[in-house]
Each structure stands twice: as structure tokens, then as C-alpha cells.
Protein backbone atom coordinates (compact mmCIF):
# COMPACT_ATOMS: atom_id res chain seq x y z
CA UNK A 1 -3.94 7.68 10.38
CA UNK A 2 -0.62 8.92 10.94
CA UNK A 3 -1.31 10.87 7.78
CA UNK A 4 -4.43 12.64 8.66
CA UNK A 5 -2.50 13.70 11.80
CA UNK A 6 0.36 15.20 10.03
CA UNK A 7 -2.27 16.92 8.05
CA UNK A 8 -3.71 18.11 10.62
CA UNK A 9 -0.58 19.85 12.29
CA UNK A 10 0.42 21.49 8.59
CA UNK A 11 -1.11 24.81 10.05
CA UNK A 12 1.92 24.55 12.81
CA UNK A 13 4.56 23.06 10.18
CA UNK A 14 4.49 23.78 6.85
CA UNK A 15 6.66 21.00 6.13
CA UNK A 16 4.30 18.28 7.02
CA UNK A 17 2.21 20.15 4.14
CA UNK A 18 4.48 17.54 1.76
CA UNK A 19 2.79 14.83 2.83
CA UNK A 20 -0.34 16.32 0.53
CA UNK A 21 1.26 15.12 -2.25
CA UNK A 22 0.17 12.21 -3.64
CA UNK A 23 4.19 10.62 -5.11
CA UNK A 24 5.40 11.59 -1.65
CA UNK A 25 2.87 9.10 -0.30
CA UNK A 26 3.07 6.21 -2.84
CA UNK A 27 6.93 5.94 -2.09
CA UNK A 28 6.19 5.65 1.72
CA UNK A 29 4.36 3.74 1.66
CA UNK A 30 6.03 1.12 -0.36
CA UNK A 31 8.85 1.47 1.52
CA UNK A 32 7.59 1.10 4.89
CA UNK A 33 5.65 -2.29 3.76
CA UNK A 34 8.98 -3.24 2.10
CA UNK A 35 10.83 -2.14 5.19
CA UNK A 36 8.25 -4.18 7.81
CA UNK A 37 9.08 -7.41 5.53
CA UNK A 38 13.16 -7.06 6.16
CA UNK A 39 12.78 -6.12 9.84
CA UNK A 40 9.33 -9.09 11.09
CA UNK A 41 9.94 -11.57 7.47
CA UNK A 42 12.61 -13.75 9.28
CA UNK A 43 10.05 -13.69 12.11
CA UNK A 44 7.03 -14.19 10.69
CA UNK A 45 9.07 -18.07 8.87
CA UNK A 46 9.99 -18.76 11.78
CA UNK A 47 6.97 -18.62 13.38
CA UNK A 48 5.06 -20.35 10.41
CA UNK A 49 7.81 -23.39 10.57
CA UNK A 50 7.68 -23.22 14.47
CA UNK A 51 3.05 -24.27 13.87
CA UNK A 52 3.73 -26.83 11.43
CA UNK A 53 2.09 -24.32 8.48
CA UNK A 54 3.36 -26.11 5.65
CA UNK A 55 3.25 -26.30 1.33
CA UNK A 56 1.67 -29.63 0.55
CA UNK A 57 2.38 -30.56 -3.02
CA UNK A 58 -0.14 -32.10 -5.24
CA UNK A 59 1.39 -35.53 -5.95
CA UNK A 60 0.39 -35.59 -9.48
CA UNK A 61 2.73 -32.78 -10.57
CA UNK A 62 6.01 -32.65 -11.73
CA UNK A 63 8.73 -34.29 -9.79
CA UNK A 64 10.95 -31.83 -8.92
CA UNK A 65 8.61 -29.92 -7.04
CA UNK A 66 8.08 -33.09 -4.74
CA UNK A 67 11.24 -31.11 -3.23
CA UNK A 68 9.21 -28.15 -1.65
CA UNK A 69 6.43 -30.70 0.27
CA UNK A 70 6.96 -29.21 3.52
CA UNK A 71 7.66 -25.85 2.61
CA UNK A 72 6.95 -22.76 4.71
CA UNK A 73 3.52 -21.24 2.98
CA UNK A 74 0.40 -18.61 3.40
CA UNK A 75 3.13 -15.58 3.16
CA UNK A 76 0.34 -13.79 2.22
CA UNK A 77 -0.62 -13.22 5.46
CA UNK A 78 2.39 -11.57 5.99
CA UNK A 79 2.27 -9.55 3.09
CA UNK A 80 -1.55 -7.98 3.65
CA UNK A 81 -0.28 -7.38 7.29
CA UNK A 82 2.25 -5.45 6.00
CA UNK A 83 0.82 -3.61 3.40
CA UNK A 84 -2.68 -2.87 5.82
CA UNK A 85 0.20 -1.20 7.76
CA UNK A 86 1.44 1.03 5.15
CA UNK A 87 -1.42 1.73 3.98
CA UNK A 88 -2.96 3.02 8.11
CA UNK A 89 -0.53 5.39 8.00
CA UNK A 90 -0.03 7.02 4.43
CA UNK A 91 -3.71 6.79 2.64
CA UNK A 92 -6.73 8.83 3.57
CA UNK A 93 -8.48 5.91 5.72
CA UNK A 94 -11.44 7.49 4.77
CA UNK A 95 -11.83 7.00 1.29
CA UNK A 96 -14.36 5.08 0.09
CA UNK A 97 -12.16 3.33 -2.70
CA UNK A 98 -9.60 2.67 -0.09
CA UNK A 99 -11.76 1.14 2.50
CA UNK A 100 -13.54 -0.51 -0.41
CA UNK A 101 -10.76 -1.96 -1.91
CA UNK A 102 -9.58 -3.64 1.20
CA UNK A 103 -13.53 -4.97 2.17
CA UNK A 104 -13.19 -7.16 -0.85
CA UNK A 105 -8.55 -8.05 -0.49
CA UNK A 106 -9.32 -9.20 2.90
CA UNK A 107 -12.71 -10.76 1.93
CA UNK A 108 -10.37 -13.23 -0.49
CA UNK A 109 -8.04 -13.00 1.55
CA UNK A 110 -10.30 -14.94 3.99
CA UNK A 111 -11.50 -17.67 0.91
CA UNK A 112 -7.78 -18.32 0.43
CA UNK A 113 -6.97 -18.51 4.49
CA UNK A 114 -10.03 -20.95 4.62
CA UNK A 115 -8.79 -23.68 1.86
CA UNK A 116 -4.73 -22.71 3.01
CA UNK A 117 -6.10 -24.03 6.41
CA UNK A 118 -8.12 -27.24 5.27
CA UNK A 119 -4.65 -27.98 3.00
CA UNK A 120 -2.65 -27.92 6.54
CA UNK A 121 -5.18 -29.91 8.40
CA UNK A 122 -5.49 -32.32 6.45
CA UNK A 123 -2.18 -32.68 5.55
CA UNK A 124 -3.05 -33.38 2.24
CA UNK A 125 -2.90 -30.67 -1.27
CA UNK A 126 -7.13 -30.12 -0.80
CA UNK A 127 -9.14 -27.48 0.30
CA UNK A 128 -11.75 -25.83 -0.36
CA UNK A 129 -13.95 -27.82 -3.88
CA UNK A 130 -13.72 -25.68 -7.04
CA UNK A 131 -17.55 -25.10 -6.64
CA UNK A 132 -16.95 -24.06 -3.00
CA UNK A 133 -14.51 -21.54 -4.30
CA UNK A 134 -16.07 -19.91 -6.70
CA UNK A 135 -19.74 -19.63 -5.38
CA UNK A 136 -18.03 -17.02 -2.62
CA UNK A 137 -15.03 -16.11 -4.78
CA UNK A 138 -19.04 -14.83 -6.80
CA UNK A 139 -20.82 -13.38 -3.60
CA UNK A 140 -17.78 -10.87 -2.80
CA UNK A 141 -17.45 -9.71 -6.58
CA UNK A 142 -21.29 -9.08 -7.36
CA UNK A 143 -21.00 -7.01 -3.76
CA UNK A 144 -18.08 -5.01 -4.77
CA UNK A 145 -19.76 -4.63 -7.95
CA UNK A 146 -23.15 -3.54 -6.71
CA UNK A 147 -20.52 -1.11 -3.98
CA UNK A 148 -19.17 0.44 -7.66
CA UNK A 149 -22.27 0.20 -9.47
CA UNK A 150 -24.21 2.53 -6.38
CA UNK A 151 -21.41 4.78 -5.61
CA UNK A 152 -22.17 8.62 -6.61
CA UNK A 153 -20.83 9.63 -9.94
CA UNK A 154 -19.30 6.63 -10.79
CA UNK A 155 -19.83 5.03 -14.37
CA UNK A 156 -20.80 1.26 -15.40
CA UNK A 157 -19.03 2.45 -19.42
CA UNK A 158 -17.05 0.17 -20.62
CA UNK A 159 -13.89 1.48 -22.84
CA UNK A 160 -11.57 0.00 -25.01
CA UNK A 161 -7.43 0.11 -24.84
CA UNK A 162 -6.77 1.91 -28.28
CA UNK A 163 -10.00 2.71 -29.45
CA UNK A 164 -11.26 5.79 -28.36
CA UNK A 165 -14.63 6.28 -29.62
CA UNK A 166 -15.49 2.76 -28.14
CA UNK A 167 -18.12 3.53 -24.71
CA UNK A 168 -20.87 0.74 -24.28
CA UNK A 169 -22.64 1.70 -21.12
CA UNK A 170 -23.46 -2.35 -19.79
CA UNK A 171 -26.05 -0.31 -16.82
CA UNK A 172 -26.42 -2.49 -14.43
CA UNK A 173 -25.34 -5.83 -16.35
CA UNK A 174 -21.66 -4.21 -14.79
CA UNK A 175 -22.90 -5.15 -11.71
CA UNK A 176 -22.33 -9.48 -12.25
CA UNK A 177 -19.41 -7.68 -14.92
CA UNK A 178 -17.21 -6.30 -12.01
CA UNK A 179 -17.70 -10.10 -10.11
CA UNK A 180 -16.70 -11.94 -13.35
CA UNK A 181 -13.31 -9.58 -13.52
CA UNK A 182 -12.74 -10.06 -10.12
CA UNK A 183 -13.67 -14.32 -10.03
CA UNK A 184 -11.09 -14.25 -13.31
CA UNK A 185 -8.68 -12.19 -11.77
CA UNK A 186 -8.03 -13.98 -8.50
CA UNK A 187 -8.15 -17.71 -10.01
CA UNK A 188 -5.97 -16.47 -12.72
CA UNK A 189 -3.44 -15.27 -10.25
CA UNK A 190 -3.78 -18.40 -8.34
CA UNK A 191 -3.09 -20.96 -10.76
CA UNK A 192 -0.08 -18.99 -12.56
CA UNK A 193 1.65 -19.21 -8.68
CA UNK A 194 3.50 -22.72 -9.13
CA UNK A 195 6.69 -21.92 -9.37
CA UNK A 196 9.29 -19.81 -6.98
CA UNK A 197 8.84 -16.21 -7.46
CA UNK A 198 6.67 -17.24 -10.64
CA UNK A 199 3.31 -15.47 -9.52
CA UNK A 200 4.79 -12.12 -7.27
CA UNK A 201 7.00 -11.18 -9.87
CA UNK A 202 3.88 -10.24 -12.80
CA UNK A 203 1.90 -8.91 -9.96
CA UNK A 204 4.46 -6.95 -8.52
CA UNK A 205 4.63 -5.53 -12.52
CA UNK A 206 0.83 -5.24 -12.60
CA UNK A 207 0.66 -3.08 -9.98
CA UNK A 208 2.53 -1.08 -10.78
CA UNK A 209 0.86 -0.30 -14.29
CA UNK A 210 -2.50 0.36 -12.43
CA UNK A 211 -1.05 2.47 -9.65
CA UNK A 212 -0.02 4.88 -12.63
CA UNK A 213 -3.48 4.61 -14.32
CA UNK A 214 -5.10 4.82 -10.68
CA UNK A 215 -3.07 8.48 -10.09
CA UNK A 216 -3.65 9.87 -13.97
CA UNK A 217 -7.06 8.77 -13.40
CA UNK A 218 -7.49 10.31 -9.65
CA UNK A 219 -5.74 13.36 -11.23
CA UNK A 220 -7.95 15.34 -13.19
CA UNK A 221 -5.61 17.18 -15.46
CA UNK A 222 -3.68 14.52 -16.39
CA UNK A 223 -7.49 12.50 -16.77
CA UNK A 224 -8.35 15.66 -18.92
CA UNK A 225 -5.12 15.81 -21.20
CA UNK A 226 -4.89 11.78 -21.82
CA UNK A 227 -9.12 11.32 -22.24
CA UNK A 228 -8.96 9.38 -19.43
CA UNK A 229 -12.25 9.03 -17.18
CA UNK A 230 -11.48 10.92 -14.17
CA UNK A 231 -12.20 9.03 -10.94
CA UNK A 232 -12.27 11.35 -7.84
CA UNK A 233 -9.69 9.67 -5.30
CA UNK A 234 -8.41 7.11 -7.01
CA UNK A 235 -5.21 8.53 -6.48
CA UNK A 236 -5.31 7.30 -2.96
CA UNK A 237 -6.04 3.64 -5.11
CA UNK A 238 -2.52 4.24 -5.91
CA UNK A 239 -1.12 4.56 -2.65
CA UNK A 240 -2.75 1.31 -1.73
CA UNK A 241 -0.89 -0.64 -4.59
CA UNK A 242 2.62 1.01 -3.92
CA UNK A 243 2.01 -0.43 -0.55
CA UNK A 244 0.86 -3.46 -1.78
CA UNK A 245 4.54 -3.23 -4.59
CA UNK A 246 6.33 -2.77 -1.74
CA UNK A 247 5.26 -5.75 0.55
CA UNK A 248 5.34 -8.15 -2.69
CA UNK A 249 8.72 -7.11 -3.02
CA UNK A 250 9.78 -7.81 0.65
CA UNK A 251 8.55 -10.92 -0.25
CA UNK A 252 9.59 -11.45 -3.11
CA UNK A 253 12.79 -12.00 -0.72
CA UNK A 254 12.08 -14.85 0.84
CA UNK A 255 10.40 -16.18 -2.39
CA UNK A 256 13.34 -16.27 -4.72
CA UNK A 257 14.21 -19.68 -5.95
CA UNK A 258 14.84 -21.68 -3.79
CA UNK A 259 11.50 -20.32 -1.73
CA UNK A 260 11.78 -20.01 2.13
CA UNK A 261 8.46 -18.78 2.01
CA UNK A 262 4.81 -19.83 -0.65
CA UNK A 263 2.38 -17.39 -1.10
CA UNK A 264 -0.54 -19.81 -0.49
CA UNK A 265 -4.17 -18.77 -1.47
CA UNK A 266 -4.57 -16.60 1.10
CA UNK A 267 -2.28 -14.50 -0.96
CA UNK A 268 -2.67 -14.72 -4.36
CA UNK A 269 -6.43 -14.86 -4.41
CA UNK A 270 -6.31 -11.54 -2.02
CA UNK A 271 -3.99 -10.20 -4.51
CA UNK A 272 -6.01 -11.44 -7.62
CA UNK A 273 -8.61 -9.25 -5.65
CA UNK A 274 -6.61 -6.23 -5.58
CA UNK A 275 -5.94 -6.16 -9.14
CA UNK A 276 -9.13 -6.65 -10.41
CA UNK A 277 -10.71 -4.47 -8.22
CA UNK A 278 -7.99 -1.54 -9.29
CA UNK A 279 -8.99 -2.02 -13.11
CA UNK A 280 -12.91 -1.54 -11.60
CA UNK A 281 -12.03 1.81 -9.69
CA UNK A 282 -9.79 3.11 -12.23
CA UNK A 283 -12.40 2.50 -15.70
CA UNK A 284 -9.32 0.19 -17.27
CA UNK A 285 -10.78 -3.30 -17.27
CA UNK A 286 -10.32 -4.73 -20.60
CA UNK A 287 -6.75 -3.04 -20.02
CA UNK A 288 -6.44 -6.44 -17.44
CA UNK A 289 -6.02 -8.90 -20.13
CA UNK A 290 -2.56 -6.55 -21.41
CA UNK A 291 -1.58 -5.81 -18.31
CA UNK A 292 -2.03 -9.05 -16.94
CA UNK A 293 -1.26 -11.23 -20.07
CA UNK A 294 0.60 -13.76 -18.32
CA UNK A 295 -2.16 -14.79 -16.00
CA UNK A 296 -4.55 -14.79 -19.07
CA UNK A 297 -2.56 -16.80 -20.70
CA UNK A 298 -1.83 -19.98 -17.70
CA UNK A 299 -5.63 -19.68 -17.00
CA UNK A 300 -6.04 -20.41 -21.13
CA UNK A 301 -4.04 -23.05 -20.66
CA UNK A 302 -5.95 -25.05 -18.23
CA UNK A 303 -9.43 -24.41 -19.89
CA UNK A 304 -7.56 -25.51 -23.26
CA UNK A 305 -6.16 -28.39 -21.53
CA UNK A 306 -8.66 -29.69 -19.85
CA UNK A 307 -11.44 -29.15 -22.69
CA UNK A 308 -9.57 -30.63 -25.23
CA UNK A 309 -9.00 -33.92 -22.71
CA UNK A 310 -12.51 -33.83 -22.20
CA UNK A 311 -13.65 -33.69 -25.74
CA UNK A 312 -10.56 -36.10 -26.93
CA UNK A 313 -11.56 -38.59 -24.36
CA UNK A 314 -7.46 -38.38 -22.81
CA UNK A 315 -5.63 -36.09 -25.14
CA UNK A 316 -3.67 -33.64 -24.36
CA UNK A 317 -2.36 -29.98 -26.03
CA UNK A 318 0.12 -29.25 -23.12
CA UNK A 319 2.84 -32.22 -21.35
CA UNK A 320 1.05 -30.50 -17.73
CA UNK A 321 -1.11 -27.11 -17.83
CA UNK A 322 -0.67 -24.26 -15.98
CA UNK A 323 1.70 -24.12 -19.45
CA UNK A 324 4.59 -23.40 -16.98
CA UNK A 325 4.09 -26.85 -15.98
CA UNK A 326 4.81 -27.74 -19.62
CA UNK A 327 7.90 -26.12 -19.85
CA UNK A 328 9.23 -27.95 -16.95
CA UNK A 329 8.26 -31.33 -18.04
CA UNK A 330 10.41 -29.51 -21.24
CA UNK A 331 13.61 -29.21 -19.64
CA UNK A 332 13.98 -25.50 -18.36
CA UNK A 333 14.70 -24.38 -15.46
CA UNK A 334 12.96 -23.15 -13.05
CA UNK A 335 14.68 -20.28 -12.62
CA UNK A 336 14.64 -19.66 -16.88
CA UNK A 337 10.52 -19.91 -16.84
CA UNK A 338 10.83 -17.19 -13.65
CA UNK A 339 12.78 -14.52 -15.27
CA UNK A 340 11.13 -15.13 -18.92
CA UNK A 341 7.72 -14.90 -17.22
CA UNK A 342 9.01 -11.76 -15.61
CA UNK A 343 10.01 -10.34 -18.12
CA UNK A 344 7.15 -10.54 -20.30
CA UNK A 345 4.95 -8.88 -18.05
CA UNK A 346 7.18 -6.37 -18.33
CA UNK A 347 6.98 -6.28 -21.47
CA UNK A 348 3.06 -6.43 -21.17
CA UNK A 349 3.30 -3.36 -18.56
CA UNK A 350 4.73 -1.00 -21.26
CA UNK A 351 2.49 -2.13 -23.62
CA UNK A 352 -0.55 -1.68 -21.02
CA UNK A 353 1.31 2.13 -20.38
CA UNK A 354 2.15 3.06 -23.67
CA UNK A 355 -1.92 3.15 -24.78
CA UNK A 356 -2.63 6.27 -22.89
CA UNK A 357 -0.78 8.22 -25.99
CA UNK A 358 -3.34 6.12 -28.50
CA UNK A 359 -6.26 7.77 -27.88
């Protein structure tokens, strides 16, 4: 809203033309949401403590996690609030991709909010059932997929990183494919959120990578030069992602080990949805496998563990899944696991960006 107001004043104040540049608004969006955390973060944590909104750790989890019991949670509410305020200031709120992004993100946030609230009310780590969460996620995913597929000029095609001539037209099948991407991304991020700072680090790396993709896809000259699928208004998605990055960095200030605040399902599901939808909007769907490789490995470790356990009647591949718990039980300090996963996330983000020239 502030952006539209400043643009309206450009006829009288030429300096305000600087707000037409996406790069300037991207920086402002990130800084604004981060500053909001530093101003209101301590007050939010104090309020969460006052209302006894705290984490209940799984009894079957690693013994070292029992000391985390009672840590304030649902930090995702503040992450989204700071990001949304920043977007209202620096985004074109009439942009269709921006509206779709926030509709989907807030939809998944409501699922996570309900899950977190049930855990708090029951005073144990039991929220929505797996089927309930998957069903709700699938409904929102299908609605988002239809909205994309029905958008004028949107191409329901699939390309592969580094393969110039690979183009697969999914047609109406793009709708369930979109739902699969969104459900997969949200649950993979949710599974990764098990150690202090572990999930939010790779989220920042992946969002930063897709922010660059969105900026390039929204610029017709750059998109044509890099042989990317041009997406009108995709650069506005870059501003949204910048606001989420800034807010995530603000959250990380309080989430680093030892954590003062947990993300909660309201945060992990919504941020996972943001990454999934960004990949769909900028037409870099399969790139999410590379850029979000940490989340993919975490999810695969759970699938492999459960499948092998059932097939062998009790045998395990890992000491515990998701895989970060495996390293914990091997004796790795929590901080070491987190930082090493961050390093891998940075490498994967750079690998994703390198494909811009492999065309």
C-alpha cells in the first residue's frame, strides 16, 4: 500500500521513482521484516510465555531433547506477521501472484495453527492426525494448482534443470502435480524442523535462490537471455520472498542454539508452502529437488525408515529418522549438525543457480 502511495507521488517528487525498481523494494522488504522482529520479537516471546504457548517434546525422541520441553513455540505467527506487514508496504498488493502466494501461505498456516493449538490444549505432542493434515493440504494444493492452470497465459509445462530441449506439457494434470509439489514441500520442511535453527537456515537459502529465479523470470530481457520461461509479475514474488527471508533471519536471531522460540507447524507448513508455490509460479518446479535437497533427504529418510521397518518387521536403516536424529544419536553436537546442514544448503542453492547458464 505504501508502494502504491509513493508511486502516485512520483509526479510531484521525482525521487520516489526509485521505488519502481524491484531491487530497491527487495532490499527494503527484507530489512523491514527483519527490523520488525528486532522491535517486536522480545515482546512476542514474552506474550507467548505469558499464555503458556509452549512446545511438548515427543517422549520417543532423543533424550537430549527433553530439556527443550516447555520452550515457547508458534514463532511462525510472528514470521508471517512481520513478512505480511513488509509486503503491505513494499509489494504491489494488486498483483495476482502476490495474492495467490499469501492465500496459499495463510491457508497452510491455518492448518499448522490448528495442529499447534491441539498440542498445546492436550499438553502433549498430539495434534491433527496425519490423514487430516494431508487432506487439508491436498485441498489447498489442488485449489492453488487450479488457480495457476486457469491463469491467462500460464503454461502448464514442466522443464528440467540443465536440459534445454526437455519440455513436458502436463495440461490439466498440472493441477494434481501442483498439489503434490505443495504437499511434498510443506511436509519435508516440517520434518526438517527438529533442531535449533535447522529448518530456518535452509529455508532462507532456498528462498534466496528462488528470489533470484523470480526476479529473472519477471524481467523479459533477462528471461530471454537465460532462456527462462518468462512470467509477468514474477518479480513481485521476489519481493514477497525477500520479506520472508528478512523475517526468517529475524526469527533465527531467537531460534539459534539454545533456542528461545520454536517455529511450530504454523511456521514450517506455511514456509514450506511458500517455497513450493514460488517454484510453481516461476516455472522451476523440479529445481526444488536440488535447491531444497536438505528437505528432500530428510523426507526420504523417514520414508525409507518406515518402509524398511514394516518390510523387515522391526529392523531399521537409521538409528532414528528424520536423519538429523540419526546424527544426534551418533554423538554429533546439535550445533554441528545444524551448521553442516546449512553449508550443504548453501552448496545446493549455488548448484541451482549454476543451472541458469546450463542451457
